[in-house]
Amino acid sequence: METRAVAVGDLLRLRTEAEVLGPAELRHAVGEAVDVLAARYAASH
């Protein structure tokens, strides 16, 4: 079984084409990663 970090990375590679519906823990982990990315890029504008 792959780790959560690997799954998050795999899903982020799909860019805006993917939405994680479940499990809830994975959806939350992807949401956290997206929040980090959004903050990083918002700070550079």
C-alpha atoms as a PDB file:
ATOM      1  CA  MET A   1       0.000   0.000   0.000  1.00  0.00           C
ATOM      2  CA  GLU A   2       1.302   3.437  -0.838  1.00  0.00           C
ATOM      3  CA  THR A   3       1.803   6.066   1.800  1.00  0.00           C
ATOM      4  CA  ARG A   4      -0.482   9.052   2.164  1.00  0.00           C
ATOM      5  CA  ALA A   5       2.341  11.363   0.992  1.00  0.00           C
ATOM      6  CA  VAL A   6       2.751   9.347  -2.210  1.00  0.00           C
ATOM      7  CA  ALA A   7      -0.998   9.365  -2.825  1.00  0.00           C
ATOM      8  CA  VAL A   8      -1.163  13.139  -2.291  1.00  0.00           C
ATOM      9  CA  GLY A   9       1.712  13.670  -4.735  1.00  0.00           C
ATOM     10  CA  ASP A  10       0.110  11.409  -7.312  1.00  0.00           C
ATOM     11  CA  LEU A  11      -3.183  13.272  -7.059  1.00  0.00           C
ATOM     12  CA  LEU A  12      -1.567  16.712  -7.245  1.00  0.00           C
ATOM     13  CA  ARG A  13       0.092  15.646 -10.495  1.00  0.00           C
ATOM     14  CA  LEU A  14      -3.383  15.429 -11.987  1.00  0.00           C
ATOM     15  CA  ARG A  15      -3.696  19.188 -11.450  1.00  0.00           C
ATOM     16  CA  THR A  16      -7.265  20.476 -11.605  1.00  0.00           C
ATOM     17  CA  GLU A  17      -8.541  17.321 -13.289  1.00  0.00           C
ATOM     18  CA  ALA A  18      -8.916  15.451  -9.996  1.00  0.00           C
ATOM     19  CA  GLU A  19     -11.142  15.745  -6.953  1.00  0.00           C
ATOM     20  CA  VAL A  20     -10.618  13.474  -3.976  1.00  0.00           C
ATOM     21  CA  LEU A  21     -13.972  12.233  -2.762  1.00  0.00           C
ATOM     22  CA  GLY A  22     -12.653   9.795  -0.182  1.00  0.00           C
ATOM     23  CA  PRO A  23     -11.438   8.525   2.067  1.00  0.00           C
ATOM     24  CA  ALA A  24     -11.872  11.626   4.210  1.00  0.00           C
ATOM     25  CA  GLU A  25      -8.300  11.432   5.527  1.00  0.00           C
ATOM     26  CA  LEU A  26      -6.886  11.580   2.004  1.00  0.00           C
ATOM     27  CA  ARG A  27      -9.232  14.409   1.003  1.00  0.00           C
ATOM     28  CA  HIS A  28      -8.063  16.346   4.074  1.00  0.00           C
ATOM     29  CA  ALA A  29      -4.378  15.680   3.292  1.00  0.00           C
ATOM     30  CA  VAL A  30      -4.789  16.894  -0.291  1.00  0.00           C
ATOM     31  CA  GLY A  31      -6.641  19.969   0.990  1.00  0.00           C
ATOM     32  CA  GLU A  32      -3.791  20.761   3.360  1.00  0.00           C
ATOM     33  CA  ALA A  33      -1.243  20.434   0.553  1.00  0.00           C
ATOM     34  CA  VAL A  34      -3.303  22.721  -1.678  1.00  0.00           C
ATOM     35  CA  ASP A  35      -3.543  25.283   1.144  1.00  0.00           C
ATOM     36  CA  VAL A  36       0.253  25.297   1.490  1.00  0.00           C
ATOM     37  CA  LEU A  37       0.680  25.776  -2.256  1.00  0.00           C
ATOM     38  CA  ALA A  38      -1.938  28.525  -2.395  1.00  0.00           C
ATOM     39  CA  ALA A  39      -0.246  30.418   0.441  1.00  0.00           C
ATOM     40  CA  ARG A  40       3.164  30.047  -1.187  1.00  0.00           C
ATOM     41  CA  TYR A  41       1.997  31.406  -4.526  1.00  0.00           C
ATOM     42  CA  ALA A  42      -0.235  34.123  -3.041  1.00  0.00           C
ATOM     43  CA  ALA A  43       2.786  35.510  -1.204  1.00  0.00           C
ATOM     44  CA  SER A  44       4.684  35.888  -4.483  1.00  0.00           C
ATOM     45  CA  HIS A  45       2.097  38.142  -6.170  1.00  0.00           C
END
